[in-house]
Amino acid sequence: MVDSVRTTTEAPGGPSQSTSEQHRAVKAVIPAAGLATRFLPATKAVPKELLPVVDRPVLQYIVEEAANAGITDILLITGRGKTSMVDHFDSRPDLEARLREKGDDERLAAVKRPSELADIYTCRQHEPLGLGHAVGVGESHVAGEPFAVLLGDEFVDESEPLLPAMLELQARTGGIVLAFLEVEPDEVRRYGIASVEPAESGLPDVGQEVVRVTGLVEKPTPEEAPSNLAVLGRYVLPPTIFSAIKRVKPGSGGEIQLTDAMALLLAEGTPVHGVIYRGTRYDTGQPLGYLQAVVQLASQRRDIGPDFTAWLRRFVEAIGDSEGSARP
């Protein structure tokens, strides 16, 4: 734990390990340099990652997910106008002192919590050249160790964790571990899609369904998709991913795609496995998903949930009544 955010362009990392000495990843990279055009004008001055879901920003949910899985070192890949993301994980002695004077222990604990979750580092992606490029920016920080990648606009319910199973599986296989969500055929063009087969025997029981990945394709048409298993925004990767990122050419959208780099390693013999996640995932990357996450999590809160759901029920019923009366 640290009392303040540690910011660096090239943060020091630990020693590299050979494949025979695989250990559980304790570092994570969170790419968060995008422009968030779907949320303009709200995100003109406020990073999308700091949009509140009730009373915590999206990014805090993601960092908490990582910390709960044993990740102690997090690198934020940022862009212009996003320094406030780092500020959120810094301490605020003035605010803490004021809350302490008022005896507001509950809010004091909430304000201190972000700075106590993990060691936070930052590095800037100077141009938005794709997810693969953003991950590549973190090479010097990762320093030859396996690491997790968590996209900055989605998270899973804390009561249904995903990362622990992925970290354990990667520590045993030394390869790539992905997370999959089953999607409808008309949604496959939004994701990287995998072709899979049953996992080989001898893998550890990680409490989730595990498959062996035989192929990856970025944003296929429904006719081209090899399955309905979409890659979620959670990856656990070996350090060899960085050489693959440097070797792939721009793909979909003219960007360096992480999916293409992973497909290259797969073709070269790196084992790739996937965990099929059937828990609750919140996708805040577009306005509809963001609003759904706010409603779902507000409804679950002990303090405001009962009153909020009662109001929501009345509101929905009133909409139904007004629509019914409007019909000829």
C-alpha atoms as a PDB file:
ATOM      1  CA  MET A   1       0.000   0.000   0.000  1.00  0.00           C
ATOM      2  CA  VAL A   2       1.095   3.572  -0.608  1.00  0.00           C
ATOM      3  CA  ASP A   3       0.019   6.894   0.890  1.00  0.00           C
ATOM      4  CA  SER A   4       0.103   8.674  -2.462  1.00  0.00           C
ATOM      5  CA  VAL A   5       0.072   7.883  -6.122  1.00  0.00           C
ATOM      6  CA  ARG A   6       3.472   7.148  -7.622  1.00  0.00           C
ATOM      7  CA  THR A   7       3.664   8.553 -11.132  1.00  0.00           C
ATOM      8  CA  THR A   8       6.371   7.685 -13.653  1.00  0.00           C
ATOM      9  CA  THR A   9       6.968   7.359 -17.349  1.00  0.00           C
ATOM     10  CA  GLU A  10       9.134   4.289 -16.956  1.00  0.00           C
ATOM     11  CA  ALA A  11       8.458   2.655 -13.608  1.00  0.00           C
ATOM     12  CA  PRO A  12      10.824   0.007 -12.315  1.00  0.00           C
ATOM     13  CA  GLY A  13       9.735  -3.601 -12.532  1.00  0.00           C
ATOM     14  CA  GLY A  14      10.766  -6.856 -10.964  1.00  0.00           C
ATOM     15  CA  PRO A  15      13.133  -9.426 -12.416  1.00  0.00           C
ATOM     16  CA  SER A  16      12.051 -11.586 -15.313  1.00  0.00           C
ATOM     17  CA  GLN A  17      11.352 -15.281 -14.849  1.00  0.00           C
ATOM     18  CA  SER A  18      11.730 -18.278 -17.076  1.00  0.00           C
ATOM     19  CA  THR A  19       8.752 -20.364 -18.133  1.00  0.00           C
ATOM     20  CA  SER A  20       9.781 -23.087 -15.698  1.00  0.00           C
ATOM     21  CA  GLU A  21       9.478 -20.626 -12.817  1.00  0.00           C
ATOM     22  CA  GLN A  22       6.000 -19.329 -13.606  1.00  0.00           C
ATOM     23  CA  HIS A  23       4.322 -17.401 -10.828  1.00  0.00           C
ATOM     24  CA  ARG A  24       0.974 -15.715 -10.386  1.00  0.00           C
ATOM     25  CA  ALA A  25       0.803 -12.276 -11.983  1.00  0.00           C
ATOM     26  CA  VAL A  26       0.695  -9.366  -9.533  1.00  0.00           C
ATOM     27  CA  LYS A  27       0.793  -6.519 -12.072  1.00  0.00           C
ATOM     28  CA  ALA A  28      -1.984  -5.119 -14.241  1.00  0.00           C
ATOM     29  CA  VAL A  29      -2.187  -2.680 -17.130  1.00  0.00           C
ATOM     30  CA  ILE A  30      -5.370  -0.614 -17.583  1.00  0.00           C
ATOM     31  CA  PRO A  31      -5.539   1.100 -20.999  1.00  0.00           C
ATOM     32  CA  ALA A  32      -7.490   4.324 -20.452  1.00  0.00           C
ATOM     33  CA  ALA A  33      -6.313   6.780 -23.098  1.00  0.00           C
ATOM     34  CA  GLY A  34      -9.377   6.767 -25.359  1.00  0.00           C
ATOM     35  CA  LEU A  35     -11.403   9.847 -26.298  1.00  0.00           C
ATOM     36  CA  ALA A  36     -14.797   8.357 -25.260  1.00  0.00           C
ATOM     37  CA  THR A  37     -16.633  10.010 -28.148  1.00  0.00           C
ATOM     38  CA  ARG A  38     -19.838   8.085 -27.351  1.00  0.00           C
ATOM     39  CA  PHE A  39     -20.207  10.166 -24.179  1.00  0.00           C
ATOM     40  CA  LEU A  40     -19.513  13.627 -25.565  1.00  0.00           C
ATOM     41  CA  PRO A  41     -19.928  16.370 -24.465  1.00  0.00           C
ATOM     42  CA  ALA A  42     -19.755  14.933 -20.908  1.00  0.00           C
ATOM     43  CA  THR A  43     -16.284  13.493 -21.545  1.00  0.00           C
ATOM     44  CA  LYS A  44     -14.828  16.632 -23.105  1.00  0.00           C
ATOM     45  CA  ALA A  45     -13.309  17.548 -19.717  1.00  0.00           C
ATOM     46  CA  VAL A  46     -14.101  14.500 -17.543  1.00  0.00           C
ATOM     47  CA  PRO A  47     -12.513  11.129 -18.424  1.00  0.00           C
ATOM     48  CA  LYS A  48     -15.067   8.426 -19.167  1.00  0.00           C
ATOM     49  CA  GLU A  49     -13.335   6.247 -16.607  1.00  0.00           C
ATOM     50  CA  LEU A  50     -14.325   8.716 -13.867  1.00  0.00           C
ATOM     51  CA  LEU A  51     -18.025   8.811 -14.686  1.00  0.00           C
ATOM     52  CA  PRO A  52     -19.795   7.831 -11.455  1.00  0.00           C
ATOM     53  CA  VAL A  53     -21.685   4.593 -10.999  1.00  0.00           C
ATOM     54  CA  VAL A  54     -23.729   5.747  -7.997  1.00  0.00           C
ATOM     55  CA  ASP A  55     -20.874   7.159  -5.855  1.00  0.00           C
ATOM     56  CA  ARG A  56     -17.748   5.473  -7.202  1.00  0.00           C
ATOM     57  CA  PRO A  57     -16.172   6.109 -10.619  1.00  0.00           C
ATOM     58  CA  VAL A  58     -15.994   3.268 -13.127  1.00  0.00           C
ATOM     59  CA  LEU A  59     -12.205   3.107 -12.794  1.00  0.00           C
ATOM     60  CA  GLN A  60     -12.368   2.521  -9.042  1.00  0.00           C
ATOM     61  CA  TYR A  61     -14.590  -0.537  -9.560  1.00  0.00           C
ATOM     62  CA  ILE A  62     -11.951  -1.892 -11.957  1.00  0.00           C
ATOM     63  CA  VAL A  63      -9.016  -1.220  -9.641  1.00  0.00           C
ATOM     64  CA  GLU A  64     -10.959  -2.804  -6.768  1.00  0.00           C
ATOM     65  CA  GLU A  65     -11.593  -5.878  -8.929  1.00  0.00           C
ATOM     66  CA  ALA A  66      -7.863  -6.166  -9.552  1.00  0.00           C
ATOM     67  CA  ALA A  67      -6.924  -5.566  -5.913  1.00  0.00           C
ATOM     68  CA  ASN A  68      -9.416  -8.183  -4.712  1.00  0.00           C
ATOM     69  CA  ALA A  69      -7.659 -10.703  -6.980  1.00  0.00           C
ATOM     70  CA  GLY A  70      -4.250  -9.995  -5.438  1.00  0.00           C
ATOM     71  CA  ILE A  71      -2.992  -7.440  -7.989  1.00  0.00           C
ATOM     72  CA  THR A  72      -0.774  -4.989  -6.108  1.00  0.00           C
ATOM     73  CA  ASP A  73       0.810  -2.998  -8.963  1.00  0.00           C
ATOM     74  CA  ILE A  74      -1.336  -1.178 -11.547  1.00  0.00           C
ATOM     75  CA  LEU A  75      -0.197   0.840 -14.559  1.00  0.00           C
ATOM     76  CA  LEU A  76      -2.722   3.279 -16.041  1.00  0.00           C
ATOM     77  CA  ILE A  77      -2.149   4.034 -19.722  1.00  0.00           C
ATOM     78  CA  THR A  78      -3.418   7.595 -19.989  1.00  0.00           C
ATOM     79  CA  GLY A  79      -3.783  10.309 -22.603  1.00  0.00           C
ATOM     80  CA  ARG A  80      -4.089  14.069 -22.773  1.00  0.00           C
ATOM     81  CA  GLY A  81      -6.571  15.577 -20.341  1.00  0.00           C
ATOM     82  CA  LYS A  82      -6.730  12.488 -18.124  1.00  0.00           C
ATOM     83  CA  THR A  83      -4.548  13.434 -15.168  1.00  0.00           C
ATOM     84  CA  SER A  84      -7.643  13.533 -12.947  1.00  0.00           C
ATOM     85  CA  MET A  85      -7.724   9.719 -13.102  1.00  0.00           C
ATOM     86  CA  VAL A  86      -4.420   9.677 -11.252  1.00  0.00           C
ATOM     87  CA  ASP A  87      -5.639  12.311  -8.785  1.00  0.00           C
ATOM     88  CA  HIS A  88      -8.532  10.070  -7.789  1.00  0.00           C
ATOM     89  CA  PHE A  89      -6.082   7.486  -6.432  1.00  0.00           C
ATOM     90  CA  ASP A  90      -3.967  10.053  -4.602  1.00  0.00           C
ATOM     91  CA  SER A  91      -4.500  10.962  -0.952  1.00  0.00           C
ATOM     92  CA  ARG A  92      -6.330  14.193  -0.004  1.00  0.00           C
ATOM     93  CA  PRO A  93      -5.032  15.263   3.413  1.00  0.00           C
ATOM     94  CA  ASP A  94      -7.119  18.472   3.399  1.00  0.00           C
ATOM     95  CA  LEU A  95     -10.367  16.673   2.650  1.00  0.00           C
ATOM     96  CA  GLU A  96      -9.521  13.844   5.041  1.00  0.00           C
ATOM     97  CA  ALA A  97      -8.798  16.334   7.829  1.00  0.00           C
ATOM     98  CA  ARG A  98     -12.122  18.088   7.270  1.00  0.00           C
ATOM     99  CA  LEU A  99     -14.069  14.825   7.386  1.00  0.00           C
ATOM    100  CA  ARG A 100     -12.151  13.756  10.492  1.00  0.00           C
ATOM    101  CA  GLU A 101     -13.059  17.038  12.214  1.00  0.00           C
ATOM    102  CA  LYS A 102     -16.714  16.482  11.403  1.00  0.00           C
ATOM    103  CA  GLY A 103     -16.576  12.916  12.696  1.00  0.00           C
ATOM    104  CA  ASP A 104     -17.770  11.621   9.311  1.00  0.00           C
ATOM    105  CA  ASP A 105     -15.925   8.315   9.552  1.00  0.00           C
ATOM    106  CA  GLU A 106     -17.908   6.609   6.785  1.00  0.00           C
ATOM    107  CA  ARG A 107     -17.053   9.192   4.128  1.00  0.00           C
ATOM    108  CA  LEU A 108     -13.495   9.449   5.443  1.00  0.00           C
ATOM    109  CA  ALA A 109     -12.986   5.735   4.868  1.00  0.00           C
ATOM    110  CA  ALA A 110     -14.509   6.026   1.379  1.00  0.00           C
ATOM    111  CA  VAL A 111     -12.195   8.915   0.458  1.00  0.00           C
ATOM    112  CA  LYS A 112      -9.085   7.110   1.735  1.00  0.00           C
ATOM    113  CA  ARG A 113      -9.901   3.773   0.115  1.00  0.00           C
ATOM    114  CA  PRO A 114      -8.739   4.554  -3.484  1.00  0.00           C
ATOM    115  CA  SER A 115      -5.202   5.416  -2.301  1.00  0.00           C
ATOM    116  CA  GLU A 116      -4.987   2.194  -0.303  1.00  0.00           C
ATOM    117  CA  LEU A 117      -5.965  -0.282  -3.033  1.00  0.00           C
ATOM    118  CA  ALA A 118      -2.655  -0.775  -4.875  1.00  0.00           C
ATOM    119  CA  ASP A 119       0.488   0.963  -6.106  1.00  0.00           C
ATOM    120  CA  ILE A 120      -0.683   3.119  -9.023  1.00  0.00           C
ATOM    121  CA  TYR A 121       1.682   4.129 -11.838  1.00  0.00           C
ATOM    122  CA  THR A 122       0.983   5.983 -15.079  1.00  0.00           C
ATOM    123  CA  CYS A 123       2.375   6.114 -18.582  1.00  0.00           C
ATOM    124  CA  ARG A 124       1.066   8.151 -21.499  1.00  0.00           C
ATOM    125  CA  GLN A 125       0.012   6.800 -24.886  1.00  0.00           C
ATOM    126  CA  HIS A 126       0.790   9.766 -27.102  1.00  0.00           C
ATOM    127  CA  GLU A 127      -1.367   8.623 -30.021  1.00  0.00           C
ATOM    128  CA  PRO A 128      -4.526   6.454 -30.010  1.00  0.00           C
ATOM    129  CA  LEU A 129      -3.100   3.662 -32.176  1.00  0.00           C
ATOM    130  CA  GLY A 130      -5.135   0.761 -30.827  1.00  0.00           C
ATOM    131  CA  LEU A 131      -5.390  -1.540 -27.838  1.00  0.00           C
ATOM    132  CA  GLY A 132      -2.308  -3.512 -28.828  1.00  0.00           C
ATOM    133  CA  HIS A 133      -0.277  -0.331 -29.015  1.00  0.00           C
ATOM    134  CA  ALA A 134      -1.623   0.836 -25.642  1.00  0.00           C
ATOM    135  CA  VAL A 135      -0.610  -2.431 -23.979  1.00  0.00           C
ATOM    136  CA  GLY A 136       2.810  -2.194 -25.640  1.00  0.00           C
ATOM    137  CA  VAL A 137       3.413   1.145 -23.953  1.00  0.00           C
ATOM    138  CA  GLY A 138       3.583  -0.727 -20.644  1.00  0.00           C
ATOM    139  CA  GLU A 139       6.486  -3.014 -21.610  1.00  0.00           C
ATOM    140  CA  SER A 140       9.174  -1.363 -19.490  1.00  0.00           C
ATOM    141  CA  HIS A 141       6.918  -1.394 -16.443  1.00  0.00           C
ATOM    142  CA  VAL A 142       5.918  -5.050 -16.762  1.00  0.00           C
ATOM    143  CA  ALA A 143       9.607  -5.982 -17.020  1.00  0.00           C
ATOM    144  CA  GLY A 144       9.394  -9.568 -18.200  1.00  0.00           C
ATOM    145  CA  GLU A 145       6.625 -10.753 -15.879  1.00  0.00           C
ATOM    146  CA  PRO A 146       3.160 -12.152 -16.658  1.00  0.00           C
ATOM    147  CA  PHE A 147       0.503  -9.483 -16.184  1.00  0.00           C
ATOM    148  CA  ALA A 148      -3.212  -8.804 -16.428  1.00  0.00           C
ATOM    149  CA  VAL A 149      -4.912  -6.333 -18.760  1.00  0.00           C
ATOM    150  CA  LEU A 150      -8.210  -4.827 -17.649  1.00  0.00           C
ATOM    151  CA  LEU A 151     -10.085  -2.578 -20.046  1.00  0.00           C
ATOM    152  CA  GLY A 152     -11.219   0.687 -18.498  1.00  0.00           C
ATOM    153  CA  ASP A 153     -14.912   0.535 -19.343  1.00  0.00           C
ATOM    154  CA  GLU A 154     -16.156  -2.774 -17.938  1.00  0.00           C
ATOM    155  CA  PHE A 155     -16.074  -4.677 -14.682  1.00  0.00           C
ATOM    156  CA  VAL A 156     -17.692  -7.727 -13.110  1.00  0.00           C
ATOM    157  CA  ASP A 157     -19.784  -8.060  -9.978  1.00  0.00           C
ATOM    158  CA  GLU A 158     -17.540  -8.388  -6.937  1.00  0.00           C
ATOM    159  CA  SER A 159     -19.615 -11.339  -5.685  1.00  0.00           C
ATOM    160  CA  GLU A 160     -18.853 -13.254  -8.921  1.00  0.00           C
ATOM    161  CA  PRO A 161     -15.086 -12.772  -9.430  1.00  0.00           C
ATOM    162  CA  LEU A 162     -13.361 -13.663 -12.682  1.00  0.00           C
ATOM    163  CA  LEU A 163      -9.693 -12.657 -12.337  1.00  0.00           C
ATOM    164  CA  PRO A 164      -8.629 -15.185  -9.658  1.00  0.00           C
ATOM    165  CA  ALA A 165      -9.461 -18.106 -11.955  1.00  0.00           C
ATOM    166  CA  MET A 166      -7.644 -16.470 -14.868  1.00  0.00           C
ATOM    167  CA  LEU A 167      -4.535 -15.694 -12.809  1.00  0.00           C
ATOM    168  CA  GLU A 168      -4.354 -19.235 -11.445  1.00  0.00           C
ATOM    169  CA  LEU A 169      -4.767 -20.775 -14.895  1.00  0.00           C
ATOM    170  CA  GLN A 170      -2.068 -18.570 -16.434  1.00  0.00           C
ATOM    171  CA  ALA A 171       0.351 -19.384 -13.622  1.00  0.00           C
ATOM    172  CA  ARG A 172      -0.056 -23.070 -14.427  1.00  0.00           C
ATOM    173  CA  THR A 173       0.060 -22.861 -18.240  1.00  0.00           C
ATOM    174  CA  GLY A 174       2.479 -19.944 -18.765  1.00  0.00           C
ATOM    175  CA  GLY A 175       0.514 -18.860 -21.827  1.00  0.00           C
ATOM    176  CA  ILE A 176      -2.384 -16.544 -22.620  1.00  0.00           C
ATOM    177  CA  VAL A 177      -5.641 -16.693 -20.672  1.00  0.00           C
ATOM    178  CA  LEU A 178      -8.743 -14.918 -21.963  1.00  0.00           C
ATOM    179  CA  ALA A 179     -12.237 -14.383 -20.615  1.00  0.00           C
ATOM    180  CA  PHE A 180     -15.238 -15.163 -22.806  1.00  0.00           C
ATOM    181  CA  LEU A 181     -18.859 -14.106 -22.779  1.00  0.00           C
ATOM    182  CA  GLU A 182     -21.513 -15.817 -24.873  1.00  0.00           C
ATOM    183  CA  VAL A 183     -23.162 -13.221 -27.138  1.00  0.00           C
ATOM    184  CA  GLU A 184     -25.952 -13.176 -29.701  1.00  0.00           C
ATOM    185  CA  PRO A 185     -24.920 -13.721 -33.357  1.00  0.00           C
ATOM    186  CA  ASP A 186     -25.719 -10.124 -34.315  1.00  0.00           C
ATOM    187  CA  GLU A 187     -23.297  -8.858 -31.627  1.00  0.00           C
ATOM    188  CA  VAL A 188     -20.146 -10.707 -32.765  1.00  0.00           C
ATOM    189  CA  ARG A 189     -19.019  -7.811 -34.990  1.00  0.00           C
ATOM    190  CA  ARG A 190     -18.350  -5.768 -31.812  1.00  0.00           C
ATOM    191  CA  TYR A 191     -15.801  -8.191 -30.336  1.00  0.00           C
ATOM    192  CA  GLY A 192     -12.832 -10.434 -30.859  1.00  0.00           C
ATOM    193  CA  ILE A 193     -14.307 -13.924 -31.357  1.00  0.00           C
ATOM    194  CA  ALA A 194     -12.629 -17.251 -30.567  1.00  0.00           C
ATOM    195  CA  SER A 195     -12.753 -20.727 -32.029  1.00  0.00           C
ATOM    196  CA  VAL A 196     -12.340 -23.269 -29.219  1.00  0.00           C
ATOM    197  CA  GLU A 197     -12.207 -26.931 -28.333  1.00  0.00           C
ATOM    198  CA  PRO A 198     -12.412 -28.798 -24.994  1.00  0.00           C
ATOM    199  CA  ALA A 199      -9.492 -28.094 -22.687  1.00  0.00           C
ATOM    200  CA  GLU A 200      -6.830 -30.761 -22.298  1.00  0.00           C
ATOM    201  CA  SER A 201      -6.753 -32.898 -19.159  1.00  0.00           C
ATOM    202  CA  GLY A 202      -4.491 -31.996 -16.276  1.00  0.00           C
ATOM    203  CA  LEU A 203      -5.414 -28.330 -15.984  1.00  0.00           C
ATOM    204  CA  PRO A 204      -6.220 -27.056 -12.493  1.00  0.00           C
ATOM    205  CA  ASP A 205      -9.835 -26.752 -11.371  1.00  0.00           C
ATOM    206  CA  VAL A 206     -10.309 -22.976 -11.215  1.00  0.00           C
ATOM    207  CA  GLY A 207     -14.038 -23.020 -10.542  1.00  0.00           C
ATOM    208  CA  GLN A 208     -14.951 -21.868 -14.067  1.00  0.00           C
ATOM    209  CA  GLU A 209     -15.453 -23.624 -17.402  1.00  0.00           C
ATOM    210  CA  VAL A 210     -12.139 -23.650 -19.295  1.00  0.00           C
ATOM    211  CA  VAL A 211     -11.640 -24.159 -23.047  1.00  0.00           C
ATOM    212  CA  ARG A 212      -8.609 -24.342 -25.308  1.00  0.00           C
ATOM    213  CA  VAL A 213      -8.461 -21.579 -27.911  1.00  0.00           C
ATOM    214  CA  THR A 214      -7.570 -22.577 -31.464  1.00  0.00           C
ATOM    215  CA  GLY A 215      -8.128 -19.281 -33.240  1.00  0.00           C
ATOM    216  CA  LEU A 216      -9.007 -15.610 -32.823  1.00  0.00           C
ATOM    217  CA  VAL A 217     -10.600 -13.148 -35.233  1.00  0.00           C
ATOM    218  CA  GLU A 218     -11.251  -9.459 -34.596  1.00  0.00           C
ATOM    219  CA  LYS A 219     -14.818  -8.147 -35.137  1.00  0.00           C
ATOM    220  CA  PRO A 220     -16.020 -10.697 -37.723  1.00  0.00           C
ATOM    221  CA  THR A 221     -19.353 -10.619 -39.490  1.00  0.00           C
ATOM    222  CA  PRO A 222     -21.935 -13.105 -38.179  1.00  0.00           C
ATOM    223  CA  GLU A 223     -21.210 -15.309 -41.208  1.00  0.00           C
ATOM    224  CA  GLU A 224     -17.451 -15.315 -40.527  1.00  0.00           C
ATOM    225  CA  ALA A 225     -17.619 -15.804 -36.747  1.00  0.00           C
ATOM    226  CA  PRO A 226     -16.270 -19.207 -35.626  1.00  0.00           C
ATOM    227  CA  SER A 227     -18.388 -19.154 -32.426  1.00  0.00           C
ATOM    228  CA  ASN A 228     -20.415 -16.868 -30.199  1.00  0.00           C
ATOM    229  CA  LEU A 229     -17.640 -16.613 -27.583  1.00  0.00           C
ATOM    230  CA  ALA A 230     -16.620 -12.969 -27.349  1.00  0.00           C
ATOM    231  CA  VAL A 231     -13.402 -11.843 -25.707  1.00  0.00           C
ATOM    232  CA  LEU A 232     -14.150  -9.760 -22.622  1.00  0.00           C
ATOM    233  CA  GLY A 233     -11.960  -6.913 -21.461  1.00  0.00           C
ATOM    234  CA  ARG A 234      -9.865  -9.167 -19.222  1.00  0.00           C
ATOM    235  CA  TYR A 235      -6.612 -10.814 -20.303  1.00  0.00           C
ATOM    236  CA  VAL A 236      -3.686 -12.448 -18.500  1.00  0.00           C
ATOM    237  CA  LEU A 237      -0.651 -12.385 -20.756  1.00  0.00           C
ATOM    238  CA  PRO A 238       2.955 -13.598 -20.831  1.00  0.00           C
ATOM    239  CA  PRO A 239       5.663 -10.979 -21.453  1.00  0.00           C
ATOM    240  CA  THR A 240       6.243 -12.419 -24.954  1.00  0.00           C
ATOM    241  CA  ILE A 241       3.130 -10.493 -26.016  1.00  0.00           C
ATOM    242  CA  PHE A 242       5.299  -7.385 -26.439  1.00  0.00           C
ATOM    243  CA  SER A 243       7.410  -8.865 -29.223  1.00  0.00           C
ATOM    244  CA  ALA A 244       4.221  -9.966 -30.973  1.00  0.00           C
ATOM    245  CA  ILE A 245       2.733  -6.466 -30.706  1.00  0.00           C
ATOM    246  CA  LYS A 246       5.837  -5.077 -32.417  1.00  0.00           C
ATOM    247  CA  ARG A 247       5.566  -7.608 -35.232  1.00  0.00           C
ATOM    248  CA  VAL A 248       1.895  -7.327 -36.183  1.00  0.00           C
ATOM    249  CA  LYS A 249       0.687  -4.890 -38.801  1.00  0.00           C
ATOM    250  CA  PRO A 250      -2.236  -2.507 -38.330  1.00  0.00           C
ATOM    251  CA  GLY A 251      -5.497  -4.435 -38.496  1.00  0.00           C
ATOM    252  CA  SER A 252      -9.156  -3.536 -38.007  1.00  0.00           C
ATOM    253  CA  GLY A 253      -9.592   0.260 -38.104  1.00  0.00           C
ATOM    254  CA  GLY A 254      -5.937   0.767 -39.058  1.00  0.00           C
ATOM    255  CA  GLU A 255      -4.899   0.141 -35.434  1.00  0.00           C
ATOM    256  CA  ILE A 256      -2.508  -2.260 -33.730  1.00  0.00           C
ATOM    257  CA  GLN A 257      -4.908  -4.898 -32.415  1.00  0.00           C
ATOM    258  CA  LEU A 258      -4.142  -6.928 -29.303  1.00  0.00           C
ATOM    259  CA  THR A 259      -6.206  -9.763 -30.782  1.00  0.00           C
ATOM    260  CA  ASP A 260      -3.826  -9.942 -33.767  1.00  0.00           C
ATOM    261  CA  ALA A 261      -0.777 -10.106 -31.480  1.00  0.00           C
ATOM    262  CA  MET A 262      -2.355 -12.907 -29.449  1.00  0.00           C
ATOM    263  CA  ALA A 263      -3.253 -14.773 -32.653  1.00  0.00           C
ATOM    264  CA  LEU A 264       0.396 -14.527 -33.732  1.00  0.00           C
ATOM    265  CA  LEU A 265       1.603 -16.088 -30.472  1.00  0.00           C
ATOM    266  CA  LEU A 266      -1.035 -18.793 -30.794  1.00  0.00           C
ATOM    267  CA  ALA A 267       0.233 -19.629 -34.293  1.00  0.00           C
ATOM    268  CA  GLU A 268       3.771 -19.833 -32.906  1.00  0.00           C
ATOM    269  CA  GLY A 269       2.785 -22.364 -30.260  1.00  0.00           C
ATOM    270  CA  THR A 270       1.918 -20.320 -27.177  1.00  0.00           C
ATOM    271  CA  PRO A 271      -0.898 -22.078 -25.278  1.00  0.00           C
ATOM    272  CA  VAL A 272      -4.091 -20.045 -25.182  1.00  0.00           C
ATOM    273  CA  HIS A 273      -6.994 -20.890 -22.882  1.00  0.00           C
ATOM    274  CA  GLY A 274     -10.244 -19.187 -22.099  1.00  0.00           C
ATOM    275  CA  VAL A 275     -12.509 -18.980 -19.080  1.00  0.00           C
ATOM    276  CA  ILE A 276     -16.206 -18.781 -19.968  1.00  0.00           C
ATOM    277  CA  TYR A 277     -17.719 -16.234 -17.623  1.00  0.00           C
ATOM    278  CA  ARG A 278     -21.382 -16.573 -16.718  1.00  0.00           C
ATOM    279  CA  GLY A 279     -21.498 -14.026 -13.936  1.00  0.00           C
ATOM    280  CA  THR A 280     -22.669 -10.414 -14.066  1.00  0.00           C
ATOM    281  CA  ARG A 281     -20.642  -8.064 -16.223  1.00  0.00           C
ATOM    282  CA  TYR A 282     -21.199  -4.326 -16.398  1.00  0.00           C
ATOM    283  CA  ASP A 283     -20.344  -2.700 -19.741  1.00  0.00           C
ATOM    284  CA  THR A 284     -20.018   1.050 -19.280  1.00  0.00           C
ATOM    285  CA  GLY A 285     -18.417   1.671 -22.661  1.00  0.00           C
ATOM    286  CA  GLN A 286     -21.615   3.040 -24.192  1.00  0.00           C
ATOM    287  CA  PRO A 287     -24.465   5.116 -22.732  1.00  0.00           C
ATOM    288  CA  LEU A 288     -27.060   2.322 -22.555  1.00  0.00           C
ATOM    289  CA  GLY A 289     -24.735  -0.084 -20.740  1.00  0.00           C
ATOM    290  CA  TYR A 290     -23.575   2.693 -18.431  1.00  0.00           C
ATOM    291  CA  LEU A 291     -27.145   3.560 -17.434  1.00  0.00           C
ATOM    292  CA  GLN A 292     -27.958  -0.113 -16.907  1.00  0.00           C
ATOM    293  CA  ALA A 293     -24.945  -0.464 -14.592  1.00  0.00           C
ATOM    294  CA  VAL A 294     -26.038   2.578 -12.576  1.00  0.00           C
ATOM    295  CA  VAL A 295     -29.560   1.210 -12.146  1.00  0.00           C
ATOM    296  CA  GLN A 296     -28.420  -2.323 -11.303  1.00  0.00           C
ATOM    297  CA  LEU A 297     -25.848  -1.279  -8.719  1.00  0.00           C
ATOM    298  CA  ALA A 298     -28.069   1.400  -7.187  1.00  0.00           C
ATOM    299  CA  SER A 299     -30.794  -1.214  -6.753  1.00  0.00           C
ATOM    300  CA  GLN A 300     -28.390  -3.480  -4.835  1.00  0.00           C
ATOM    301  CA  ARG A 301     -27.317  -0.816  -2.339  1.00  0.00           C
ATOM    302  CA  ARG A 302     -28.516  -1.337   1.220  1.00  0.00           C
ATOM    303  CA  ASP A 303     -28.708   2.391   1.911  1.00  0.00           C
ATOM    304  CA  ILE A 304     -30.595   3.607  -1.167  1.00  0.00           C
ATOM    305  CA  GLY A 305     -31.659   0.389  -2.902  1.00  0.00           C
ATOM    306  CA  PRO A 306     -35.120  -0.083  -1.319  1.00  0.00           C
ATOM    307  CA  ASP A 307     -36.199   3.539  -1.878  1.00  0.00           C
ATOM    308  CA  PHE A 308     -34.670   3.648  -5.350  1.00  0.00           C
ATOM    309  CA  THR A 309     -36.301   0.419  -6.564  1.00  0.00           C
ATOM    310  CA  ALA A 310     -39.675   1.511  -5.135  1.00  0.00           C
ATOM    311  CA  TRP A 311     -39.403   4.787  -7.050  1.00  0.00           C
ATOM    312  CA  LEU A 312     -38.198   2.982 -10.186  1.00  0.00           C
ATOM    313  CA  ARG A 313     -41.151   0.611 -10.063  1.00  0.00           C
ATOM    314  CA  ARG A 314     -43.600   3.527  -9.804  1.00  0.00           C
ATOM    315  CA  PHE A 315     -41.805   5.350 -12.624  1.00  0.00           C
ATOM    316  CA  VAL A 316     -41.944   2.353 -14.979  1.00  0.00           C
ATOM    317  CA  GLU A 317     -45.603   1.760 -14.145  1.00  0.00           C
ATOM    318  CA  ALA A 318     -46.379   5.426 -14.872  1.00  0.00           C
ATOM    319  CA  ILE A 319     -44.657   5.147 -18.262  1.00  0.00           C
ATOM    320  CA  GLY A 320     -46.719   2.060 -19.050  1.00  0.00           C
ATOM    321  CA  ASP A 321     -49.931   3.799 -18.017  1.00  0.00           C
ATOM    322  CA  SER A 322     -49.151   6.872 -20.121  1.00  0.00           C
ATOM    323  CA  GLU A 323     -48.302   4.755 -23.159  1.00  0.00           C
ATOM    324  CA  GLY A 324     -51.483   2.757 -22.721  1.00  0.00           C
ATOM    325  CA  SER A 325     -53.657   5.850 -22.526  1.00  0.00           C
ATOM    326  CA  ALA A 326     -51.973   7.284 -25.625  1.00  0.00           C
ATOM    327  CA  ARG A 327     -52.926   4.301 -27.772  1.00  0.00           C
ATOM    328  CA  PRO A 328     -56.006   4.829 -30.006  1.00  0.00           C
END
